[in-house]
Amino acid sequence: MEREMVIVLDFGGQYNQLVARRVRECNVYCEIYSYKIDIQKIKDMNPKGIILTGGPNSCYEEGAPTYTKELFELGIPVLGLCYGAQLMSHVLGGKVEKAPVREYGKTQVFVNPASALFAGVGTKSSEVAAAPLAMAGHEDNTNATQCWMSHFDYISKMAPGFTSVAHTADCPVAAAEYAEKNLYAIQFHPEVLHTVEGTKMLYNFVRGVCGCAGDWRMDSFVESSINEIRAKVGDGKVLLALSGGVDSSVLAALLAKAVGNQLTCVFVDHGLLRKNEGDEVEGVFGPNGDFDINFVRVNAQERYYAKLAGVEEPERKRKIIGEEFIRVFEEEAKKIGTVDFLAQGTIYPDVVESGLGGESAVIKSHHNVGGLPDYVDFKDIVEPLRNLFKDEVRKVGLELGLPEYLVYRQPFPGPGLGIRIIGEVTGEKVKIVQDADYIYREEVGKAAAEYKAKNGENPSWMPDQYFAALSNMRSVGVMGDERTYDYAVVLRAVKTIDFMTAEAANIPFDVLQTVMSRIINEVRGVNRCMYDLTSKPPGTIEME
């Protein structure tokens, strides 16, 4: 059976992945493509709906990203978001101009609940914004809802056949529709969490307007993936570099279910993991775990420490850690002998960010995207998670029976603690940051659990990522009657939607006090704790 799909055409903005994730949360499969894709390919894919997003320019400028008018004549429902809304209006004969008042941030939007987009959205408004309204006649049937606006331009004249179905005090066309042709345009951003009912609006489009049944579910994904892996691998042998992170762990579990002991997992413990993490990975996938696979643990800690001795520059550290991993993995692969397939934990953001999905600028190159590595000899690559977002990968992990502590493990950089230790990396420093980080995560987790038990939900301050890092600053302190000259630990915690921007989390002071007291008393070599308040930008989430 052909899978129903909605496609996102990316015109160069930053929200393409977020739009696709929101669509998938409606249990509808979604893929991202550049606006440069040929229209015949769109026809061949036969999508149930098309969403236009992104665009760094004004749509009326010469050379601005655009698309042929034929797109809107395919009979496929189209939803334009922000730039996509303006582009739809511009291409179909409307007018887009520089807005007299720029709208940015949380904005009250008045919507017409009679529109298919806004069914069940908003609450009855006590007053209607006093701007000149293109929604004249709908004042009696207007609901208010909070949305996120971010636009320099606005639709000053709608294209023929369109009517306004939403407005704000400063924007007469916050949304428009040509319902008979299933064409919809939204000036604000329904995909971000600041638009309180944005997911409902997208649900109304993909499940209501597009008529999608919502058959994209992780239980069916697991079943179909296992069958596909078995068909591809046959009786061949599969090799996986298991890092212990979420992606590679879920991949290992999926492959184990599919091909059992035809899989060999090589786990390189470089000594830069969080406290007890190496033993936890071995506990799940090793000989005493639940999976019938071949598990090889390489304890390469001293080898890494020797390579990193005297190295302080962050990029140099990253390069050494990455190159040494390849060398260790190569050596172990040769010991194993002939292997037919290399498994990689590539996920969809890796594909998109490497420039193989949408139009947005290449964010970073990923080592596991683009083909077989040149240092190994395999028939082919197995990448069953290639089309999944991170939250979907976690759901697959739970479906496969992996423990929650592993599935919901916080993001962890490839170079590990090597970039959470400022300056030279040594075994002594690794132990300091491991112990401090363990205490920090334990106390924050305990405080959050107590709050949830009392209030039935996670606290608003609960960070999306938090960890302890080790500065290269040493300072004078007093412990007991003795003078000390020890390191300062930096506590980092951020709240974020997409990890592209982030704010420092407002962890209660008494929790931080407990963390500080425990670290200084229990971790030898530390006499100060500092809390990092820096947002991203200008800072980064990681220290290096």
Protein backbone atom coordinates (compact mmCIF):
# COMPACT_ATOMS: atom_id res chain seq x y z
CA MET A 1 0.00 0.00 0.00
CA GLU A 2 1.33 3.43 -0.96
CA ARG A 3 2.02 5.62 2.07
CA GLU A 4 0.11 8.91 2.19
CA MET A 5 2.43 11.89 2.35
CA VAL A 6 2.49 15.66 2.72
CA ILE A 7 5.53 17.50 1.37
CA VAL A 8 7.13 20.70 2.61
CA LEU A 9 8.62 22.91 -0.10
CA ASP A 10 11.44 24.86 1.52
CA PHE A 11 12.21 28.34 0.17
CA GLY A 12 15.18 28.88 2.45
CA GLY A 13 13.84 29.58 5.95
CA GLN A 14 14.79 28.14 9.33
CA TYR A 15 11.57 26.35 10.23
CA ASN A 16 11.33 23.61 7.57
CA GLN A 17 12.15 20.78 9.98
CA LEU A 18 9.79 22.15 12.60
CA VAL A 19 6.92 22.25 10.11
CA ALA A 20 7.59 18.65 9.05
CA ARG A 21 7.78 17.49 12.67
CA ARG A 22 4.45 19.13 13.48
CA VAL A 23 2.83 17.39 10.51
CA ARG A 24 4.20 14.04 11.66
CA GLU A 25 2.79 14.70 15.12
CA CYS A 26 -0.57 14.55 13.34
CA ASN A 27 0.40 10.97 12.34
CA VAL A 28 0.94 12.04 8.75
CA TYR A 29 4.23 11.28 6.99
CA CYS A 30 6.03 14.37 5.73
CA GLU A 31 9.21 15.02 3.74
CA ILE A 32 11.12 18.24 2.96
CA TYR A 33 12.16 19.25 -0.56
CA SER A 34 13.83 22.29 -2.07
CA TYR A 35 11.59 24.69 -4.00
CA LYS A 36 13.86 23.87 -6.96
CA ILE A 37 12.29 20.42 -7.28
CA ASP A 38 10.71 19.82 -10.68
CA ILE A 39 6.92 19.87 -10.70
CA GLN A 40 6.82 16.50 -12.48
CA LYS A 41 8.55 14.93 -9.48
CA ILE A 42 5.86 16.38 -7.25
CA LYS A 43 3.21 14.87 -9.51
CA ASP A 44 4.99 11.50 -9.42
CA MET A 45 5.06 11.54 -5.59
CA ASN A 46 1.31 12.19 -5.57
CA PRO A 47 1.28 13.98 -2.18
CA LYS A 48 -1.95 14.52 -0.30
CA GLY A 49 -0.93 18.08 0.48
CA ILE A 50 1.83 20.67 -0.03
CA ILE A 51 3.13 23.20 2.51
CA LEU A 52 5.24 26.19 1.45
CA THR A 53 7.64 27.58 4.05
CA GLY A 54 10.73 29.74 4.44
CA GLY A 55 12.23 32.45 2.30
CA PRO A 56 14.79 35.06 3.40
CA ASN A 57 13.71 37.69 0.85
CA SER A 58 10.62 39.61 -0.16
CA CYS A 59 8.74 37.48 -2.68
CA TYR A 60 8.39 40.40 -5.10
CA GLU A 61 12.13 41.11 -5.31
CA GLU A 62 14.02 40.15 -8.45
CA GLY A 63 15.62 36.74 -8.01
CA ALA A 64 13.54 35.82 -4.94
CA PRO A 65 12.73 32.09 -4.57
CA THR A 66 9.48 31.31 -6.35
CA TYR A 67 7.48 28.53 -7.99
CA THR A 68 5.39 28.10 -11.08
CA LYS A 69 1.69 28.93 -10.96
CA GLU A 70 1.01 25.34 -12.06
CA LEU A 71 1.69 24.19 -8.49
CA PHE A 72 -1.58 25.76 -7.39
CA GLU A 73 -3.49 24.16 -10.26
CA LEU A 74 -2.66 20.50 -9.52
CA GLY A 75 -5.81 19.98 -7.46
CA ILE A 76 -3.61 19.21 -4.43
CA PRO A 77 -4.32 21.26 -1.26
CA VAL A 78 -1.63 23.89 -0.67
CA LEU A 79 -0.88 25.75 2.58
CA GLY A 80 1.48 28.73 2.49
CA LEU A 81 3.17 29.76 5.75
CA CYS A 82 4.55 33.30 6.16
CA TYR A 83 6.76 33.69 3.04
CA GLY A 84 4.75 30.85 1.51
CA ALA A 85 1.51 32.78 2.11
CA GLN A 86 2.95 35.90 0.51
CA LEU A 87 4.38 33.94 -2.42
CA MET A 88 1.02 32.25 -3.07
CA SER A 89 -0.69 35.65 -3.14
CA HIS A 90 2.02 37.17 -5.36
CA VAL A 91 2.03 34.33 -7.92
CA LEU A 92 -1.77 34.17 -8.13
CA GLY A 93 -2.31 37.88 -8.78
CA GLY A 94 -2.44 39.49 -5.35
CA LYS A 95 -0.13 42.20 -4.05
CA VAL A 96 2.54 41.97 -1.35
CA GLU A 97 4.20 45.11 0.01
CA LYS A 98 6.39 46.31 2.85
CA ALA A 99 4.17 46.40 5.94
CA PRO A 100 3.46 49.86 7.39
CA VAL A 101 3.92 48.31 10.86
CA ARG A 102 6.23 45.36 11.40
CA GLU A 103 4.66 42.65 13.55
CA TYR A 104 7.02 40.51 15.60
CA GLY A 105 6.34 38.24 18.55
CA LYS A 106 3.25 37.01 20.34
CA THR A 107 0.20 38.58 18.73
CA GLN A 108 -3.56 38.28 19.26
CA VAL A 109 -5.07 37.01 16.02
CA PHE A 110 -8.79 37.07 15.28
CA VAL A 111 -9.82 34.02 13.26
CA ASN A 112 -13.02 32.94 11.55
CA PRO A 113 -13.87 29.47 12.98
CA ALA A 114 -16.04 28.81 9.92
CA SER A 115 -12.80 28.34 7.95
CA ALA A 116 -11.61 24.74 7.66
CA LEU A 117 -8.22 25.88 8.98
CA PHE A 118 -9.61 27.34 12.18
CA ALA A 119 -12.30 24.85 13.15
CA GLY A 120 -12.24 24.62 16.94
CA VAL A 121 -9.53 27.29 17.22
CA GLY A 122 -9.68 30.23 19.63
CA THR A 123 -12.28 31.53 22.03
CA LYS A 124 -15.08 34.00 21.36
CA SER A 125 -13.51 37.45 21.37
CA SER A 126 -15.14 40.24 23.33
CA GLU A 127 -13.89 42.79 20.85
CA VAL A 128 -12.56 42.85 17.33
CA ALA A 129 -9.36 44.73 16.45
CA ALA A 130 -10.17 48.19 15.14
CA ALA A 131 -8.07 47.93 11.96
CA PRO A 132 -9.72 48.13 8.50
CA LEU A 133 -10.87 44.54 8.11
CA ALA A 134 -10.95 42.36 5.04
CA MET A 135 -13.18 40.12 7.18
CA ALA A 136 -16.09 42.56 7.17
CA GLY A 137 -19.30 40.68 7.85
CA HIS A 138 -17.52 38.09 10.01
CA GLU A 139 -17.26 40.20 13.18
CA ASP A 140 -20.08 38.22 14.79
CA ASN A 141 -18.20 34.99 14.22
CA THR A 142 -14.67 35.83 15.31
CA ASN A 143 -12.47 33.96 17.78
CA ALA A 144 -9.21 35.17 19.30
CA THR A 145 -6.04 33.13 19.67
CA GLN A 146 -2.36 33.84 20.39
CA CYS A 147 0.03 33.41 17.45
CA TRP A 148 3.66 34.17 16.61
CA MET A 149 4.12 36.87 13.98
CA SER A 150 7.41 37.66 12.21
CA HIS A 151 7.10 39.60 8.98
CA PHE A 152 8.33 42.77 7.26
CA ASP A 153 5.92 42.38 4.32
CA TYR A 154 2.16 41.88 4.26
CA ILE A 155 -0.56 40.91 1.81
CA SER A 156 -2.01 44.30 0.86
CA LYS A 157 -4.32 42.87 -1.80
CA MET A 158 -5.57 39.29 -1.89
CA ALA A 159 -5.39 37.24 -5.09
CA PRO A 160 -8.67 36.80 -7.00
CA GLY A 161 -10.97 34.23 -5.34
CA PHE A 162 -9.40 34.56 -1.86
CA THR A 163 -11.11 35.84 1.26
CA SER A 164 -9.54 36.83 4.56
CA VAL A 165 -10.21 34.43 7.44
CA ALA A 166 -7.92 36.01 10.07
CA HIS A 167 -6.62 39.45 10.97
CA THR A 168 -4.77 41.36 13.67
CA ALA A 169 -4.80 45.02 14.72
CA ASP A 170 -2.10 45.76 12.12
CA CYS A 171 -2.52 42.99 9.54
CA PRO A 172 -5.85 42.80 7.68
CA VAL A 173 -4.90 39.49 6.03
CA ALA A 174 -3.32 37.29 8.70
CA ALA A 175 -4.81 34.28 6.86
CA ALA A 176 -6.68 33.86 3.58
CA GLU A 177 -8.35 31.01 1.74
CA TYR A 178 -9.72 29.99 -1.63
CA ALA A 179 -11.72 27.13 -0.16
CA GLU A 180 -13.11 25.83 -3.48
CA LYS A 181 -9.55 25.21 -4.69
CA ASN A 182 -8.16 24.11 -1.29
CA LEU A 183 -5.63 26.94 -1.23
CA TYR A 184 -4.77 28.42 2.18
CA ALA A 185 -2.34 31.10 3.31
CA ILE A 186 -1.25 31.89 6.89
CA GLN A 187 0.88 34.97 7.60
CA PHE A 188 1.98 33.82 11.08
CA HIS A 189 3.89 30.69 12.17
CA PRO A 190 1.60 27.86 13.35
CA GLU A 191 4.56 25.49 13.68
CA VAL A 192 6.18 27.23 16.68
CA LEU A 193 5.03 26.64 20.25
CA HIS A 194 4.35 30.35 20.75
CA THR A 195 1.34 29.88 18.46
CA VAL A 196 -0.77 28.24 21.13
CA GLU A 197 -3.16 26.40 18.80
CA GLY A 198 -0.80 26.02 15.85
CA THR A 199 -0.76 22.24 15.94
CA LYS A 200 -4.56 22.22 15.77
CA MET A 201 -4.41 24.44 12.67
CA LEU A 202 -1.92 22.12 10.95
CA TYR A 203 -4.04 19.13 11.99
CA ASN A 204 -7.07 20.81 10.42
CA PHE A 205 -5.12 21.16 7.18
CA VAL A 206 -3.49 17.73 6.86
CA ARG A 207 -6.26 15.61 8.37
CA GLY A 208 -9.26 17.78 7.40
CA VAL A 209 -8.50 19.61 4.16
CA CYS A 210 -6.04 17.03 2.77
CA GLY A 211 -8.08 14.08 4.04
CA CYS A 212 -5.10 12.17 5.43
CA ALA A 213 -6.05 9.13 7.50
CA GLY A 214 -3.10 9.46 9.91
CA ASP A 215 -1.41 6.11 9.34
CA TRP A 216 2.14 7.23 10.23
CA ARG A 217 2.75 5.43 13.53
CA MET A 218 5.90 4.07 15.10
CA ASP A 219 4.53 0.59 15.81
CA SER A 220 3.85 0.06 12.11
CA PHE A 221 7.22 1.66 11.27
CA VAL A 222 9.02 -0.91 13.45
CA GLU A 223 7.19 -3.82 11.83
CA SER A 224 7.81 -2.65 8.26
CA SER A 225 11.46 -1.74 8.99
CA ILE A 226 12.21 -5.19 10.39
CA ASN A 227 10.79 -6.78 7.25
CA GLU A 228 12.76 -4.42 4.99
CA ILE A 229 16.03 -5.05 6.89
CA ARG A 230 15.58 -8.83 6.65
CA ALA A 231 14.87 -8.58 2.93
CA LYS A 232 17.96 -6.44 2.33
CA VAL A 233 20.44 -8.23 4.59
CA GLY A 234 19.38 -11.83 3.95
CA ASP A 235 21.97 -14.03 5.65
CA GLY A 236 24.66 -11.31 5.51
CA LYS A 237 26.60 -9.88 8.43
CA VAL A 238 26.04 -6.36 9.74
CA LEU A 239 28.51 -4.13 11.60
CA LEU A 240 27.47 -1.15 13.75
CA ALA A 241 29.59 1.39 15.61
CA LEU A 242 27.56 1.71 18.81
CA SER A 243 28.21 5.01 20.59
CA GLY A 244 25.66 4.56 23.37
CA GLY A 245 23.69 7.59 22.20
CA VAL A 246 19.98 7.44 21.46
CA ASP A 247 20.25 7.01 17.67
CA SER A 248 22.82 4.22 17.61
CA SER A 249 21.18 2.43 20.56
CA VAL A 250 17.75 2.42 18.90
CA LEU A 251 19.35 1.26 15.66
CA ALA A 252 21.13 -1.58 17.49
CA ALA A 253 17.85 -2.72 19.05
CA LEU A 254 16.03 -2.57 15.70
CA LEU A 255 18.76 -4.54 13.92
CA ALA A 256 18.87 -7.05 16.77
CA LYS A 257 15.13 -7.69 16.35
CA ALA A 258 15.58 -8.06 12.60
CA VAL A 259 18.76 -10.14 12.19
CA GLY A 260 19.86 -11.21 15.69
CA ASN A 261 23.42 -12.50 15.91
CA GLN A 262 24.16 -11.54 12.32
CA LEU A 263 24.81 -8.13 13.93
CA THR A 264 28.09 -7.13 15.57
CA CYS A 265 28.15 -3.94 17.63
CA VAL A 266 31.52 -2.34 18.34
CA PHE A 267 31.32 0.00 21.33
CA VAL A 268 34.39 2.22 21.59
CA ASP A 269 34.67 3.54 25.14
CA HIS A 270 36.95 6.55 24.69
CA GLY A 271 36.84 7.47 28.36
CA LEU A 272 34.92 10.68 27.63
CA LEU A 273 31.43 9.38 28.43
CA ARG A 274 29.22 10.38 31.36
CA LYS A 275 29.68 8.53 34.65
CA ASN A 276 28.75 4.82 34.43
CA GLU A 277 27.57 5.24 30.83
CA GLY A 278 29.89 2.62 29.38
CA ASP A 279 28.66 0.01 31.86
CA GLU A 280 25.03 0.98 31.16
CA VAL A 281 25.51 0.42 27.42
CA GLU A 282 27.15 -2.94 28.03
CA GLY A 283 24.36 -3.87 30.45
CA VAL A 284 21.76 -3.39 27.72
CA PHE A 285 23.59 -4.78 24.68
CA GLY A 286 26.33 -6.96 26.18
CA PRO A 287 26.25 -10.70 26.96
CA ASN A 288 23.96 -10.19 29.96
CA GLY A 289 21.50 -8.00 28.08
CA ASP A 290 18.27 -8.86 26.29
CA PHE A 291 19.62 -8.87 22.73
CA ASP A 292 21.14 -11.85 20.92
CA ILE A 293 23.96 -10.00 19.17
CA ASN A 294 27.75 -9.94 19.09
CA PHE A 295 28.94 -7.12 21.35
CA VAL A 296 32.54 -5.88 21.41
CA ARG A 297 33.59 -3.27 23.96
CA VAL A 298 36.92 -1.57 23.33
CA ASN A 299 38.31 0.17 26.40
CA ALA A 300 40.44 2.83 24.70
CA GLN A 301 40.53 5.43 27.46
CA GLU A 302 44.30 5.59 27.93
CA ARG A 303 44.85 5.64 24.18
CA TYR A 304 42.64 8.74 23.88
CA TYR A 305 44.17 10.49 26.88
CA ALA A 306 47.64 10.00 25.40
CA LYS A 307 46.55 11.48 22.05
CA LEU A 308 44.92 14.47 23.79
CA ALA A 309 47.84 15.24 26.11
CA GLY A 310 48.84 18.89 25.85
CA VAL A 311 46.07 19.75 23.35
CA GLU A 312 43.93 22.75 24.34
CA GLU A 313 42.40 24.08 21.08
CA PRO A 314 38.75 22.89 20.80
CA GLU A 315 38.70 22.02 17.08
CA ARG A 316 41.98 20.14 17.40
CA LYS A 317 40.48 18.10 20.24
CA ARG A 318 37.41 17.34 18.15
CA LYS A 319 39.56 16.21 15.22
CA ILE A 320 41.74 13.95 17.35
CA ILE A 321 38.72 12.30 19.01
CA GLY A 322 36.98 11.74 15.67
CA GLU A 323 40.06 10.41 13.88
CA GLU A 324 40.98 8.10 16.73
CA PHE A 325 37.47 6.64 16.72
CA ILE A 326 37.88 5.75 13.04
CA ARG A 327 41.26 4.12 13.70
CA VAL A 328 39.93 2.03 16.61
CA PHE A 329 36.82 1.04 14.66
CA GLU A 330 38.95 0.04 11.64
CA GLU A 331 41.14 -2.18 13.81
CA GLU A 332 38.15 -3.95 15.34
CA ALA A 333 36.46 -4.37 11.94
CA LYS A 334 39.55 -6.15 10.61
CA LYS A 335 39.49 -8.55 13.57
CA ILE A 336 35.87 -9.45 12.83
CA GLY A 337 36.57 -10.38 9.23
CA THR A 338 34.25 -10.14 6.25
CA VAL A 339 31.13 -8.09 6.89
CA ASP A 340 28.47 -7.38 4.27
CA PHE A 341 26.70 -4.29 5.59
CA LEU A 342 27.62 -1.21 7.60
CA ALA A 343 24.77 0.14 9.74
CA GLN A 344 24.58 3.86 10.44
CA GLY A 345 22.31 5.84 12.76
CA THR A 346 21.58 8.58 10.24
CA ILE A 347 18.36 10.42 11.09
CA TYR A 348 16.33 12.91 9.07
CA PRO A 349 17.81 16.14 10.49
CA ASP A 350 21.26 14.84 9.46
CA VAL A 351 19.99 14.46 5.91
CA VAL A 352 18.31 17.88 5.81
CA GLU A 353 21.20 19.72 7.48
CA SER A 354 23.68 18.18 5.04
CA GLY A 355 21.82 19.83 2.17
CA LEU A 356 20.11 16.70 0.84
CA GLY A 357 16.60 17.64 1.93
CA GLY A 358 15.44 21.23 1.84
CA GLU A 359 16.78 24.52 0.55
CA SER A 360 17.96 26.05 3.81
CA ALA A 361 21.68 26.63 4.12
CA VAL A 362 23.85 23.62 4.93
CA ILE A 363 24.13 23.79 8.71
CA LYS A 364 26.81 21.13 9.12
CA SER A 365 28.21 18.15 7.32
CA HIS A 366 27.42 14.82 8.91
CA HIS A 367 29.91 11.97 8.70
CA ASN A 368 27.14 9.42 8.20
CA VAL A 369 25.38 11.05 5.24
CA GLY A 370 26.27 10.63 1.62
CA GLY A 371 27.51 7.09 1.03
CA LEU A 372 30.00 4.47 2.07
CA PRO A 373 33.09 5.64 3.98
CA ASP A 374 36.28 5.17 2.00
CA TYR A 375 38.14 3.20 4.68
CA VAL A 376 35.90 0.13 4.73
CA ASP A 377 34.80 -2.43 2.20
CA PHE A 378 31.09 -3.26 2.47
CA LYS A 379 28.39 -4.10 -0.01
CA ASP A 380 26.03 -1.43 1.21
CA ILE A 381 24.84 0.75 4.08
CA VAL A 382 21.81 0.01 6.25
CA GLU A 383 20.10 3.20 7.52
CA PRO A 384 16.57 2.37 8.68
CA LEU A 385 16.24 5.55 10.80
CA ARG A 386 17.12 7.87 7.93
CA ASN A 387 13.61 9.32 7.62
CA LEU A 388 12.92 9.82 11.35
CA PHE A 389 13.16 12.89 13.56
CA LYS A 390 14.70 12.51 17.03
CA ASP A 391 11.36 12.35 18.86
CA GLU A 392 10.27 9.57 16.48
CA VAL A 393 13.53 7.69 17.12
CA ARG A 394 12.76 7.78 20.85
CA LYS A 395 9.28 6.37 20.23
CA VAL A 396 10.81 3.53 18.20
CA GLY A 397 13.18 2.82 21.10
CA LEU A 398 10.26 2.46 23.50
CA GLU A 399 8.45 0.21 21.00
CA LEU A 400 11.54 -2.02 20.96
CA GLY A 401 11.65 -2.28 24.76
CA LEU A 402 14.72 -0.15 25.46
CA PRO A 403 14.85 1.31 28.99
CA GLU A 404 13.54 4.87 29.37
CA TYR A 405 16.81 6.16 30.87
CA LEU A 406 18.54 5.29 27.61
CA VAL A 407 15.75 6.40 25.25
CA TYR A 408 15.37 9.79 26.95
CA ARG A 409 19.07 10.36 27.47
CA GLN A 410 19.98 14.01 26.99
CA PRO A 411 21.82 15.15 23.85
CA PHE A 412 25.51 14.34 24.15
CA PRO A 413 28.21 15.60 21.76
CA GLY A 414 30.21 13.14 19.67
CA PRO A 415 33.53 14.25 21.26
CA GLY A 416 31.90 13.66 24.65
CA LEU A 417 33.39 15.33 27.71
CA GLY A 418 36.34 16.38 25.58
CA ILE A 419 34.45 19.59 24.76
CA ARG A 420 33.00 20.00 28.25
CA ILE A 421 36.51 20.31 29.65
CA ILE A 422 38.05 23.66 28.80
CA GLY A 423 41.69 23.24 27.86
CA GLU A 424 43.72 20.03 28.10
CA VAL A 425 41.89 16.76 28.72
CA THR A 426 43.33 14.44 31.37
CA GLY A 427 42.04 11.40 33.20
CA GLU A 428 41.90 13.42 36.43
CA LYS A 429 39.78 16.16 34.83
CA VAL A 430 37.45 13.60 33.24
CA LYS A 431 36.76 12.07 36.65
CA ILE A 432 36.04 15.54 38.12
CA VAL A 433 33.51 16.45 35.45
CA GLN A 434 31.91 12.97 35.47
CA ASP A 435 31.32 13.13 39.22
CA ALA A 436 30.11 16.74 39.19
CA ASP A 437 27.79 16.09 36.25
CA TYR A 438 26.35 12.99 37.93
CA ILE A 439 25.51 14.96 41.10
CA TYR A 440 23.98 17.81 39.09
CA ARG A 441 21.76 15.54 37.00
CA GLU A 442 20.76 13.53 40.06
CA GLU A 443 19.67 16.58 42.09
CA VAL A 444 17.83 18.29 39.22
CA GLY A 445 16.09 15.02 38.36
CA LYS A 446 15.11 14.48 42.00
CA ALA A 447 13.71 18.03 42.34
CA ALA A 448 11.73 17.66 39.11
CA ALA A 449 10.33 14.28 40.20
CA GLU A 450 9.21 15.72 43.55
CA TYR A 451 7.48 18.62 41.80
CA LYS A 452 5.73 16.27 39.36
CA ALA A 453 4.56 13.97 42.15
CA LYS A 454 3.01 16.96 43.93
CA ASN A 455 1.60 18.86 40.93
CA GLY A 456 1.06 16.18 38.30
CA GLU A 457 3.29 17.81 35.68
CA ASN A 458 6.90 18.73 35.06
CA PRO A 459 8.01 22.09 36.49
CA SER A 460 8.18 25.02 34.08
CA TRP A 461 11.87 25.42 34.88
CA MET A 462 12.77 21.86 33.85
CA PRO A 463 15.68 22.18 31.40
CA ASP A 464 15.71 20.56 27.96
CA GLN A 465 19.43 19.95 28.42
CA TYR A 466 21.68 20.35 31.44
CA PHE A 467 25.20 19.27 32.36
CA ALA A 468 28.29 20.18 34.34
CA ALA A 469 31.47 21.30 32.60
CA LEU A 470 34.95 21.98 33.89
CA SER A 471 36.51 25.40 33.42
CA ASN A 472 40.25 25.90 33.16
CA MET A 473 40.04 28.50 35.92
CA ARG A 474 41.63 27.72 39.28
CA SER A 475 41.11 29.96 42.27
CA VAL A 476 41.78 30.25 45.97
CA GLY A 477 39.28 28.78 48.42
CA VAL A 478 39.06 27.65 52.02
CA MET A 479 37.93 24.18 53.05
CA GLY A 480 38.06 23.49 56.77
CA ASP A 481 41.13 25.31 58.01
CA GLU A 482 43.08 24.77 54.81
CA ARG A 483 43.63 27.04 51.81
CA THR A 484 42.81 25.41 48.47
CA TYR A 485 43.68 26.23 44.89
CA ASP A 486 41.24 24.19 42.81
CA TYR A 487 39.02 24.17 39.73
CA ALA A 488 35.66 25.84 39.12
CA VAL A 489 32.79 23.73 37.79
CA VAL A 490 30.32 25.40 35.42
CA LEU A 491 26.67 24.32 35.58
CA ARG A 492 24.78 24.72 32.30
CA ALA A 493 21.01 24.32 31.80
CA VAL A 494 18.91 25.55 28.89
CA LYS A 495 15.30 25.72 27.75
CA THR A 496 14.87 25.35 24.01
CA ILE A 497 12.39 24.28 21.34
CA ASP A 498 14.77 23.34 18.54
CA PHE A 499 18.32 23.70 20.02
CA MET A 500 18.98 26.42 17.40
CA THR A 501 18.21 29.08 20.02
CA ALA A 502 18.12 28.64 23.79
CA GLU A 503 17.70 30.50 27.07
CA ALA A 504 19.19 29.66 30.44
CA ALA A 505 16.77 27.62 32.56
CA ASN A 506 15.52 29.21 35.77
CA ILE A 507 16.35 26.31 38.10
CA PRO A 508 15.28 27.13 41.70
CA PHE A 509 18.10 28.60 43.75
CA ASP A 510 17.72 26.06 46.56
CA VAL A 511 18.30 23.23 44.04
CA LEU A 512 21.44 24.94 42.75
CA GLN A 513 22.60 25.46 46.33
CA THR A 514 22.23 21.73 47.03
CA VAL A 515 24.14 20.89 43.84
CA MET A 516 26.92 23.32 44.72
CA SER A 517 27.26 22.00 48.25
CA ARG A 518 27.41 18.36 47.14
CA ILE A 519 29.91 18.97 44.33
CA ILE A 520 32.33 20.95 46.50
CA ASN A 521 32.08 18.44 49.34
CA GLU A 522 32.12 15.25 47.28
CA VAL A 523 34.28 16.01 44.23
CA ARG A 524 37.96 16.29 44.95
CA GLY A 525 39.71 19.14 43.11
CA VAL A 526 36.73 21.56 42.99
CA ASN A 527 36.21 24.59 45.23
CA ARG A 528 33.78 26.72 43.18
CA CYS A 529 30.52 26.27 41.23
CA MET A 530 29.23 28.79 38.70
CA TYR A 531 25.89 28.88 36.84
CA ASP A 532 26.06 29.83 33.15
CA LEU A 533 23.29 32.35 32.29
CA THR A 534 24.33 32.82 28.64
CA SER A 535 21.65 32.41 25.98
CA LYS A 536 22.19 31.01 22.47
CA PRO A 537 23.07 33.23 20.66
CA PRO A 538 25.49 34.75 21.53
CA GLY A 539 26.78 31.62 23.26
CA THR A 540 26.46 27.97 22.27
CA ILE A 541 24.87 25.24 24.35
CA GLU A 542 28.11 23.31 24.67
CA MET A 543 31.20 24.96 26.16
CA GLU A 544 33.47 24.37 23.16
